[in-house]
Amino acid sequence: MRAGAAGCAAPTRPRLCPRQGSGNKTTGISVLQTKPDIHEIIENRSIIIHFQPQVSLKRKAVVGLEALSRGFDPQSGEIIPPTLLFEQARDTASRLALDRACRTKAVEAFATLHRREKSLMLSMNIDAACINGETRGSNHILNQVNRFGVSPGNVIIEIIESRCDDTRALLEFVRFYRSHDFLIALDDVGAGFSNLDRIPLLKPDVIKLDRSLVHGVDRHFHKLEVVRSFVQMSNRLGCLVLAEGVETAEEAMCLLSNGVDVFQGFYFARPAPGLDAVPGMADKVDSLAERHRENRTQQIAEDKRRYSSYDLTVLTMCQDLAESPAKAMNADLARFVDIYPSVECLYVLDMKGNQISDTVCNPARLKTGKRFLYEPASAGADHSLKEYFLPIQAGLEKFTTRPYISLASGNLCTTISHVFYHKGSGRHRILCVDMNREDEAARPG
């Protein structure tokens, strides 16, 4: 395991330090019970900075560190939990002063690491509520980076865009810092109040998936599909997807299998001073990388067997239908459902995408409680814009879709469309077969 190109460790093991204002888990440490004097804390710079590694599993390297802040009482030295600390900064001036104090300490702490390892990135959260017409021209972050000798290209400014009410000021802030080579990350993407319209507006370099999406993603198909949509969008926009709040190997494996490469969370390392957490990550990273290689190899082999079986099943059906009278088509489809238990629904289209048979379904697989949402199509339905028809229209003989939720059954399925020549009518037809994929709804890949 390495940090960028080389690892280095701080002399002491740190206490757990949640992210600024995040409310993450804490361990048993001595915390202040009385309200702190926020002005004294800011004046004395009574702020502790720990770093949580951001790791690329494909590169088996720590590529970045997120700076996480908490305070301590100048008199007693007791730790001030983040929630208590930031609650004291009630007015705009105090919030801005505390936010800047945290940023200054973060850049100062990172500067030593930056001199040792030039490839490491610093992720630094900014209180977006402080971005407004009065503060946008202060250049505070740029000044601190220059002051401590950190390259702007190694700094990622994390923004929770939903906390900023001044869109114009936010846009000008992003444009200014991007023009000076800083990278911009949208934090907590996928959380309840994220404004997705800000993504095309701000054009982030990094999208950080909120832990509400990450938690249990290996067990929830709908969460996984949301993650996949963000990964697909990010690939097209040229930005990186980072999953934060990863707490289990299963979550990491699932995300890695679906295009996420950079991870952050307690599973890999708790926040620590400097690069103290990096050496302890090596075994986990190596183990996950090996598991991913083995799982992908096995999954590819399983998919090959699965789709070969699908192809044989559909081809057999097409051969039977080709010889069958047109009036027996629905009866033949019903017979196929009885023979092949993995088949969910069957229907036949003409070469224009119009349905010419009934939709014959396996009754045991229909969601009877949601018939308003999920209803099999009837004869005469137009399928000409469906994913499984357009490739056939373009000249393919057969096509297989990605797994999706069927509007006929409400289940996860794959549709296979296959052209056959019906001898009785002297016309080409298209058999569409929905194969049930519910066994894969929670598969991590």
Protein backbone atom coordinates (compact mmCIF):
# COMPACT_ATOMS: atom_id res chain seq x y z
CA MET A 1 0.00 0.00 0.00
CA ARG A 2 1.31 3.42 -0.86
CA ALA A 3 0.36 7.06 -0.53
CA GLY A 4 0.73 8.43 -4.01
CA ALA A 5 4.17 6.97 -4.66
CA ALA A 6 5.42 6.53 -1.11
CA GLY A 7 4.00 6.05 2.39
CA CYS A 8 5.06 7.80 5.57
CA ALA A 9 3.66 7.64 9.08
CA ALA A 10 3.19 10.17 11.84
CA PRO A 11 4.78 9.31 15.20
CA THR A 12 1.56 8.84 17.19
CA ARG A 13 -1.77 7.15 16.65
CA PRO A 14 -4.59 9.70 16.44
CA ARG A 15 -7.96 9.87 18.06
CA LEU A 16 -10.98 9.57 15.81
CA CYS A 17 -11.90 12.89 14.27
CA PRO A 18 -15.20 13.20 12.39
CA ARG A 19 -15.50 15.53 9.46
CA GLN A 20 -16.32 19.14 9.98
CA GLY A 21 -19.93 19.31 11.10
CA SER A 22 -20.74 15.83 9.81
CA GLY A 23 -21.92 14.02 12.89
CA ASN A 24 -19.97 10.85 12.04
CA LYS A 25 -19.35 8.21 14.68
CA THR A 26 -16.91 8.88 17.51
CA THR A 27 -15.00 6.72 19.94
CA GLY A 28 -14.75 7.03 23.69
CA ILE A 29 -12.66 10.16 24.28
CA SER A 30 -12.80 13.01 26.76
CA VAL A 31 -15.12 15.65 25.37
CA LEU A 32 -16.06 19.06 26.62
CA GLN A 33 -19.42 19.18 28.37
CA THR A 34 -19.83 22.96 28.61
CA LYS A 35 -20.33 25.40 25.79
CA PRO A 36 -16.99 26.51 24.31
CA ASP A 37 -16.01 30.11 23.66
CA ILE A 38 -15.97 30.15 19.88
CA HIS A 39 -14.13 33.45 19.65
CA GLU A 40 -11.35 32.18 21.93
CA ILE A 41 -11.05 29.00 19.88
CA ILE A 42 -10.74 30.95 16.63
CA GLU A 43 -8.29 33.44 18.12
CA ASN A 44 -6.07 30.71 19.59
CA ARG A 45 -6.46 28.44 16.53
CA SER A 46 -7.56 25.65 18.87
CA ILE A 47 -8.38 23.32 16.01
CA ILE A 48 -7.13 19.80 15.34
CA ILE A 49 -6.75 18.51 11.78
CA HIS A 50 -6.81 14.80 11.05
CA PHE A 51 -6.81 13.24 7.59
CA GLN A 52 -8.94 10.42 6.22
CA PRO A 53 -7.37 8.64 3.23
CA GLN A 54 -9.07 8.45 -0.15
CA VAL A 55 -7.94 5.25 -1.83
CA SER A 56 -7.98 4.01 -5.41
CA LEU A 57 -8.43 0.25 -5.40
CA LYS A 58 -7.44 -0.14 -9.04
CA ARG A 59 -4.17 1.67 -8.41
CA LYS A 60 -3.77 0.25 -4.89
CA ALA A 61 -2.76 3.69 -3.70
CA VAL A 62 -3.88 6.52 -1.47
CA VAL A 63 -4.58 9.32 -3.92
CA GLY A 64 -5.92 11.93 -1.53
CA LEU A 65 -6.62 12.99 2.02
CA GLU A 66 -9.70 14.76 3.32
CA ALA A 67 -9.00 17.27 6.08
CA LEU A 68 -11.38 16.82 9.02
CA SER A 69 -11.70 19.38 11.79
CA ARG A 70 -12.64 19.48 15.44
CA GLY A 71 -11.76 21.86 18.23
CA PHE A 72 -10.25 21.65 21.67
CA ASP A 73 -10.69 23.83 24.71
CA PRO A 74 -7.69 26.18 25.08
CA GLN A 75 -7.85 25.93 28.87
CA SER A 76 -8.49 22.23 29.57
CA GLY A 77 -7.39 20.68 26.29
CA GLU A 78 -10.63 18.68 26.14
CA ILE A 79 -11.92 17.73 22.70
CA ILE A 80 -14.89 19.69 21.37
CA PRO A 81 -17.16 17.52 19.20
CA PRO A 82 -17.79 18.97 15.73
CA THR A 83 -21.51 19.39 16.27
CA LEU A 84 -20.95 21.35 19.47
CA LEU A 85 -18.14 23.40 17.96
CA PHE A 86 -19.96 24.51 14.82
CA GLU A 87 -23.21 25.10 16.66
CA GLN A 88 -21.50 27.94 18.51
CA ALA A 89 -20.79 29.80 15.27
CA ARG A 90 -24.34 31.08 14.98
CA ASP A 91 -23.82 34.39 13.22
CA THR A 92 -22.42 34.83 9.72
CA ALA A 93 -19.18 36.44 10.89
CA SER A 94 -18.40 33.61 13.33
CA ARG A 95 -19.20 30.93 10.76
CA LEU A 96 -16.90 32.53 8.23
CA ALA A 97 -14.10 33.02 10.77
CA LEU A 98 -14.33 29.42 11.99
CA ASP A 99 -14.50 28.07 8.45
CA ARG A 100 -11.40 30.02 7.46
CA ALA A 101 -9.55 28.94 10.60
CA CYS A 102 -10.26 25.30 9.76
CA ARG A 103 -9.11 25.77 6.17
CA THR A 104 -5.89 27.49 7.25
CA LYS A 105 -5.05 24.69 9.68
CA ALA A 106 -5.85 22.09 7.02
CA VAL A 107 -3.52 23.64 4.43
CA GLU A 108 -0.80 24.10 7.05
CA ALA A 109 -1.03 20.46 8.15
CA PHE A 110 -1.07 19.20 4.57
CA ALA A 111 1.92 21.31 3.51
CA THR A 112 4.39 18.98 5.25
CA LEU A 113 2.89 15.95 3.51
CA HIS A 114 2.85 17.80 0.20
CA ARG A 115 6.60 18.39 0.39
CA ARG A 116 7.14 14.65 0.90
CA GLU A 117 4.67 13.41 -1.70
CA LYS A 118 3.81 15.78 -4.52
CA SER A 119 1.07 13.57 -6.00
CA LEU A 120 -1.19 13.57 -2.93
CA MET A 121 -4.42 15.56 -3.14
CA LEU A 122 -5.93 17.58 -0.30
CA SER A 123 -9.73 17.55 -0.08
CA MET A 124 -10.98 20.48 1.93
CA ASN A 125 -14.59 21.22 2.79
CA ILE A 126 -15.88 24.76 2.63
CA ASP A 127 -19.03 26.03 4.32
CA ALA A 128 -21.02 26.94 1.21
CA ALA A 129 -23.28 29.17 3.28
CA CYS A 130 -20.30 31.53 3.55
CA ILE A 131 -20.11 31.99 -0.22
CA ASN A 132 -21.88 35.21 -1.07
CA GLY A 133 -21.34 38.51 -2.82
CA GLU A 134 -19.25 39.87 0.06
CA THR A 135 -16.84 36.95 0.46
CA ARG A 136 -16.40 35.63 -3.09
CA GLY A 137 -13.53 38.02 -3.87
CA SER A 138 -11.49 37.43 -0.71
CA ASN A 139 -9.22 34.80 -2.34
CA HIS A 140 -8.68 33.34 1.14
CA ILE A 141 -8.05 29.76 0.03
CA LEU A 142 -5.65 30.82 -2.72
CA ASN A 143 -3.75 33.03 -0.29
CA GLN A 144 -3.37 30.22 2.26
CA VAL A 145 -2.25 27.71 -0.36
CA ASN A 146 0.39 30.14 -1.62
CA ARG A 147 1.42 30.99 1.93
CA PHE A 148 2.20 27.37 2.83
CA GLY A 149 3.66 26.38 -0.54
CA VAL A 150 0.97 23.93 -1.63
CA SER A 151 0.28 23.58 -5.34
CA PRO A 152 -3.31 24.65 -6.19
CA GLY A 153 -3.54 21.66 -8.52
CA ASN A 154 -3.28 19.40 -5.47
CA VAL A 155 -6.28 20.94 -3.71
CA ILE A 156 -9.88 19.81 -4.10
CA ILE A 157 -12.45 22.24 -2.74
CA GLU A 158 -15.50 20.30 -1.55
CA ILE A 159 -18.81 22.11 -1.71
CA ILE A 160 -22.23 21.05 -0.46
CA GLU A 161 -24.00 23.18 -3.04
CA SER A 162 -27.42 22.95 -1.40
CA ARG A 163 -26.17 25.12 1.47
CA CYS A 164 -25.44 28.07 -0.80
CA ASP A 165 -28.36 30.37 -1.52
CA ASP A 166 -26.44 32.68 -3.86
CA THR A 167 -26.04 30.71 -7.09
CA ARG A 168 -24.31 33.57 -8.88
CA ALA A 169 -21.70 33.95 -6.13
CA LEU A 170 -21.19 30.18 -6.05
CA LEU A 171 -20.62 30.08 -9.81
CA GLU A 172 -18.14 32.96 -9.68
CA PHE A 173 -16.34 31.27 -6.76
CA VAL A 174 -15.99 28.04 -8.73
CA ARG A 175 -14.84 29.82 -11.89
CA PHE A 176 -12.20 31.79 -10.00
CA TYR A 177 -10.65 28.81 -8.23
CA ARG A 178 -10.82 26.58 -11.28
CA SER A 179 -8.94 29.26 -13.23
CA HIS A 180 -6.17 28.92 -10.63
CA ASP A 181 -5.99 25.13 -11.11
CA PHE A 182 -8.00 24.09 -8.04
CA LEU A 183 -10.34 21.12 -8.46
CA ILE A 184 -13.99 21.32 -7.47
CA ALA A 185 -15.94 18.52 -5.79
CA LEU A 186 -19.65 18.35 -5.12
CA ASP A 187 -20.09 16.76 -1.71
CA ASP A 188 -23.00 14.65 -0.42
CA VAL A 189 -24.38 14.02 -3.92
CA GLY A 190 -27.47 11.87 -3.67
CA ALA A 191 -28.47 13.20 -0.26
CA GLY A 192 -31.99 14.46 0.27
CA PHE A 193 -31.49 18.12 -0.61
CA SER A 194 -28.89 17.95 -3.38
CA ASN A 195 -29.76 20.16 -6.33
CA LEU A 196 -28.83 18.08 -9.36
CA ASP A 197 -29.19 21.10 -11.62
CA ARG A 198 -25.96 22.41 -10.06
CA ILE A 199 -23.95 19.60 -11.69
CA PRO A 200 -24.16 20.98 -15.25
CA LEU A 201 -23.87 24.49 -13.83
CA LEU A 202 -20.68 23.93 -11.79
CA LYS A 203 -19.15 21.14 -13.92
CA PRO A 204 -17.42 19.46 -10.94
CA ASP A 205 -14.19 17.52 -11.25
CA VAL A 206 -15.25 15.12 -8.50
CA ILE A 207 -18.68 13.86 -7.43
CA LYS A 208 -18.75 12.48 -3.89
CA LEU A 209 -21.57 10.02 -3.37
CA ASP A 210 -23.30 10.53 -0.05
CA ARG A 211 -23.14 7.67 2.45
CA SER A 212 -26.94 7.41 2.35
CA LEU A 213 -26.46 5.92 -1.13
CA VAL A 214 -23.38 3.92 -0.19
CA HIS A 215 -24.79 2.29 2.95
CA GLY A 216 -26.12 -1.15 2.05
CA VAL A 217 -25.70 -0.59 -1.70
CA ASP A 218 -24.69 -4.24 -2.06
CA ARG A 219 -28.15 -5.29 -0.81
CA HIS A 220 -30.44 -2.74 -2.50
CA PHE A 221 -30.95 -2.82 -6.26
CA HIS A 222 -32.57 0.62 -6.41
CA LYS A 223 -29.63 2.26 -4.61
CA LEU A 224 -27.26 0.47 -6.94
CA GLU A 225 -29.10 1.75 -10.00
CA VAL A 226 -28.85 5.33 -8.69
CA VAL A 227 -25.11 4.85 -8.17
CA ARG A 228 -24.78 3.40 -11.68
CA SER A 229 -26.57 6.41 -13.12
CA PHE A 230 -24.14 8.78 -11.37
CA VAL A 231 -21.15 6.72 -12.57
CA GLN A 232 -22.45 6.70 -16.14
CA MET A 233 -23.12 10.43 -16.06
CA SER A 234 -19.71 11.15 -14.54
CA ASN A 235 -17.94 9.09 -17.18
CA ARG A 236 -19.63 11.13 -19.89
CA LEU A 237 -18.90 14.43 -18.14
CA GLY A 238 -15.28 13.54 -17.46
CA CYS A 239 -15.42 13.72 -13.67
CA LEU A 240 -14.39 11.28 -10.96
CA VAL A 241 -16.82 9.46 -8.66
CA LEU A 242 -15.76 9.02 -5.04
CA ALA A 243 -17.79 6.97 -2.58
CA GLU A 244 -17.63 8.20 1.00
CA GLY A 245 -18.87 6.50 4.13
CA VAL A 246 -17.80 3.01 3.00
CA GLU A 247 -18.03 0.77 6.06
CA THR A 248 -17.95 -2.80 4.74
CA ALA A 249 -15.98 -4.86 2.26
CA GLU A 250 -19.24 -5.79 0.52
CA GLU A 251 -20.10 -2.14 -0.13
CA ALA A 252 -16.64 -1.52 -1.54
CA MET A 253 -16.79 -4.62 -3.76
CA CYS A 254 -20.21 -3.70 -5.12
CA LEU A 255 -19.19 -0.12 -5.88
CA LEU A 256 -15.91 -1.19 -7.47
CA SER A 257 -17.76 -3.66 -9.70
CA ASN A 258 -20.01 -0.85 -10.87
CA GLY A 259 -17.42 1.71 -11.88
CA VAL A 260 -16.47 3.51 -8.65
CA ASP A 261 -12.71 3.55 -8.12
CA VAL A 262 -12.00 5.96 -5.26
CA PHE A 263 -13.21 5.20 -1.74
CA GLN A 264 -13.26 6.81 1.67
CA GLY A 265 -14.68 5.49 4.91
CA PHE A 266 -14.18 3.71 8.21
CA TYR A 267 -13.73 0.35 6.48
CA PHE A 268 -10.42 1.54 5.07
CA ALA A 269 -9.23 3.92 7.76
CA ARG A 270 -10.41 6.23 10.48
CA PRO A 271 -9.11 9.80 10.41
CA ALA A 272 -5.60 10.19 11.77
CA PRO A 273 -2.75 12.72 11.88
CA GLY A 274 -0.70 12.88 8.71
CA LEU A 275 -0.45 9.55 6.93
CA ASP A 276 -0.72 7.54 10.12
CA ALA A 277 -3.68 5.55 8.82
CA VAL A 278 -2.08 4.45 5.54
CA PRO A 279 0.07 1.46 6.61
CA GLY A 280 -2.90 -0.31 8.21
CA MET A 281 -4.85 -0.18 4.96
CA ALA A 282 -2.49 -2.30 2.87
CA ASP A 283 -3.94 -5.73 3.67
CA LYS A 284 -7.53 -4.59 3.13
CA VAL A 285 -6.74 -2.97 -0.20
CA ASP A 286 -4.76 -5.96 -1.46
CA SER A 287 -7.50 -8.35 -0.33
CA LEU A 288 -10.26 -6.33 -2.01
CA ALA A 289 -8.29 -6.01 -5.24
CA GLU A 290 -7.76 -9.78 -5.36
CA ARG A 291 -11.41 -10.48 -4.52
CA HIS A 292 -12.51 -8.09 -7.25
CA ARG A 293 -10.32 -9.84 -9.81
CA GLU A 294 -11.64 -13.27 -8.79
CA ASN A 295 -15.27 -12.12 -8.66
CA ARG A 296 -15.14 -10.42 -12.04
CA THR A 297 -13.55 -13.49 -13.61
CA GLN A 298 -16.22 -15.71 -12.07
CA GLN A 299 -19.01 -13.30 -13.00
CA ILE A 300 -17.86 -13.13 -16.62
CA ALA A 301 -17.86 -16.93 -16.78
CA GLU A 302 -21.33 -17.10 -15.17
CA ASP A 303 -22.70 -14.49 -17.56
CA LYS A 304 -21.26 -16.38 -20.51
CA ARG A 305 -23.03 -19.57 -19.38
CA ARG A 306 -26.24 -17.68 -18.61
CA TYR A 307 -26.45 -15.93 -21.96
CA SER A 308 -25.53 -19.09 -23.85
CA SER A 309 -28.46 -20.79 -22.12
CA TYR A 310 -30.72 -17.84 -22.95
CA ASP A 311 -29.69 -17.95 -26.60
CA LEU A 312 -30.40 -21.68 -26.86
CA THR A 313 -33.80 -21.30 -25.16
CA VAL A 314 -34.89 -18.41 -27.39
CA LEU A 315 -33.61 -20.10 -30.55
CA THR A 316 -35.60 -23.24 -29.70
CA MET A 317 -38.75 -21.14 -29.22
CA CYS A 318 -38.20 -19.34 -32.52
CA GLN A 319 -37.81 -22.63 -34.36
CA ASP A 320 -41.08 -23.92 -32.89
CA LEU A 321 -42.95 -20.69 -33.67
CA ALA A 322 -41.64 -20.67 -37.24
CA GLU A 323 -43.51 -23.92 -37.97
CA SER A 324 -46.62 -23.13 -35.93
CA PRO A 325 -49.91 -21.77 -37.37
CA ALA A 326 -50.52 -18.11 -36.58
CA LYS A 327 -53.72 -18.91 -34.68
CA ALA A 328 -51.74 -21.20 -32.32
CA MET A 329 -49.20 -18.52 -31.41
CA ASN A 330 -50.64 -17.62 -27.98
CA ALA A 331 -51.02 -21.28 -27.05
CA ASP A 332 -47.39 -21.90 -28.01
CA LEU A 333 -46.23 -18.98 -25.87
CA ALA A 334 -48.20 -20.38 -22.91
CA ARG A 335 -46.55 -23.76 -23.44
CA PHE A 336 -43.09 -22.13 -23.40
CA VAL A 337 -43.86 -20.47 -20.06
CA ASP A 338 -44.67 -23.89 -18.59
CA ILE A 339 -41.51 -25.46 -20.00
CA TYR A 340 -39.02 -22.73 -19.04
CA PRO A 341 -39.47 -21.50 -15.42
CA SER A 342 -36.97 -18.65 -15.83
CA VAL A 343 -39.21 -17.08 -18.49
CA GLU A 344 -41.33 -14.27 -17.10
CA CYS A 345 -43.22 -12.96 -20.16
CA LEU A 346 -43.40 -13.71 -23.88
CA TYR A 347 -44.81 -11.68 -26.78
CA VAL A 348 -44.36 -11.40 -30.55
CA LEU A 349 -43.90 -8.23 -32.64
CA ASP A 350 -44.03 -7.52 -36.33
CA MET A 351 -41.06 -5.84 -37.99
CA LYS A 352 -42.54 -2.39 -37.30
CA GLY A 353 -42.60 -2.97 -33.55
CA ASN A 354 -46.33 -3.61 -33.24
CA GLN A 355 -47.35 -6.42 -30.89
CA ILE A 356 -49.25 -9.16 -32.75
CA SER A 357 -49.71 -11.65 -29.90
CA ASP A 358 -50.92 -11.47 -26.34
CA THR A 359 -48.35 -11.02 -23.60
CA VAL A 360 -48.21 -14.43 -21.96
CA CYS A 361 -46.76 -14.28 -18.45
CA ASN A 362 -45.82 -16.65 -15.69
CA PRO A 363 -48.65 -15.84 -13.23
CA ALA A 364 -46.49 -16.72 -10.24
CA ARG A 365 -44.14 -13.84 -11.05
CA LEU A 366 -46.65 -11.00 -11.47
CA LYS A 367 -46.92 -8.38 -8.73
CA THR A 368 -50.70 -8.46 -8.24
CA GLY A 369 -50.64 -5.67 -5.65
CA LYS A 370 -49.29 -3.10 -8.13
CA ARG A 371 -51.29 -3.79 -11.27
CA PHE A 372 -51.82 -0.06 -11.84
CA LEU A 373 -48.05 0.35 -12.31
CA TYR A 374 -47.15 -3.02 -13.79
CA GLU A 375 -49.44 -4.28 -16.56
CA PRO A 376 -48.46 -6.57 -19.43
CA ALA A 377 -48.91 -4.99 -22.87
CA SER A 378 -51.79 -6.17 -25.05
CA ALA A 379 -51.91 -7.09 -28.72
CA GLY A 380 -51.63 -3.94 -30.82
CA ALA A 381 -49.22 -2.19 -28.42
CA ASP A 382 -46.46 -0.13 -30.03
CA HIS A 383 -42.93 -1.22 -29.02
CA SER A 384 -41.15 0.74 -31.74
CA LEU A 385 -39.21 2.93 -29.30
CA LYS A 386 -38.24 0.16 -26.90
CA GLU A 387 -34.61 -0.69 -26.28
CA TYR A 388 -35.10 -4.27 -27.43
CA PHE A 389 -36.69 -3.24 -30.76
CA LEU A 390 -34.50 -0.41 -32.07
CA PRO A 391 -31.37 -2.59 -32.54
CA ILE A 392 -33.48 -5.07 -34.51
CA GLN A 393 -34.77 -2.26 -36.70
CA ALA A 394 -31.15 -1.21 -37.23
CA GLY A 395 -30.34 -4.63 -38.66
CA LEU A 396 -29.42 -6.94 -35.77
CA GLU A 397 -30.93 -10.41 -35.70
CA LYS A 398 -31.05 -10.55 -31.90
CA PHE A 399 -30.50 -8.22 -28.96
CA THR A 400 -30.23 -8.60 -25.18
CA THR A 401 -30.94 -5.70 -22.81
CA ARG A 402 -29.29 -4.89 -19.53
CA PRO A 403 -31.31 -5.96 -16.48
CA TYR A 404 -34.16 -3.55 -15.71
CA ILE A 405 -37.47 -3.41 -13.83
CA SER A 406 -40.15 -4.80 -16.13
CA LEU A 407 -43.35 -2.80 -16.61
CA ALA A 408 -45.10 -6.09 -17.30
CA SER A 409 -44.23 -7.80 -14.01
CA GLY A 410 -42.48 -5.29 -11.75
CA ASN A 411 -39.52 -7.66 -11.46
CA LEU A 412 -35.89 -7.36 -12.47
CA CYS A 413 -35.59 -8.92 -15.92
CA THR A 414 -33.64 -9.03 -19.16
CA THR A 415 -35.44 -8.87 -22.50
CA ILE A 416 -34.10 -10.85 -25.44
CA SER A 417 -35.50 -10.01 -28.87
CA HIS A 418 -34.89 -12.43 -31.74
CA VAL A 419 -36.01 -12.32 -35.39
CA PHE A 420 -37.53 -15.47 -36.90
CA TYR A 421 -39.24 -16.27 -40.21
CA HIS A 422 -42.84 -17.39 -39.78
CA LYS A 423 -43.56 -19.80 -42.62
CA GLY A 424 -47.35 -19.66 -42.30
CA SER A 425 -47.54 -15.89 -42.91
CA GLY A 426 -44.42 -15.63 -45.02
CA ARG A 427 -43.21 -12.76 -42.84
CA HIS A 428 -40.40 -12.09 -40.38
CA ARG A 429 -41.47 -11.72 -36.76
CA ILE A 430 -39.71 -10.80 -33.53
CA LEU A 431 -40.00 -12.98 -30.44
CA CYS A 432 -39.46 -11.04 -27.20
CA VAL A 433 -38.60 -13.01 -24.06
CA ASP A 434 -38.40 -11.46 -20.59
CA MET A 435 -36.03 -13.56 -18.48
CA ASN A 436 -36.34 -13.20 -14.72
CA ARG A 437 -33.22 -11.81 -13.02
CA GLU A 438 -34.47 -11.40 -9.45
CA ASP A 439 -31.64 -13.62 -8.22
CA GLU A 440 -29.28 -10.79 -9.19
CA ALA A 441 -31.18 -7.90 -7.59
CA ALA A 442 -28.62 -7.64 -4.80
CA ARG A 443 -25.61 -9.10 -6.60
CA PRO A 444 -22.58 -6.78 -6.21
CA GLY A 445 -21.92 -6.34 -9.90
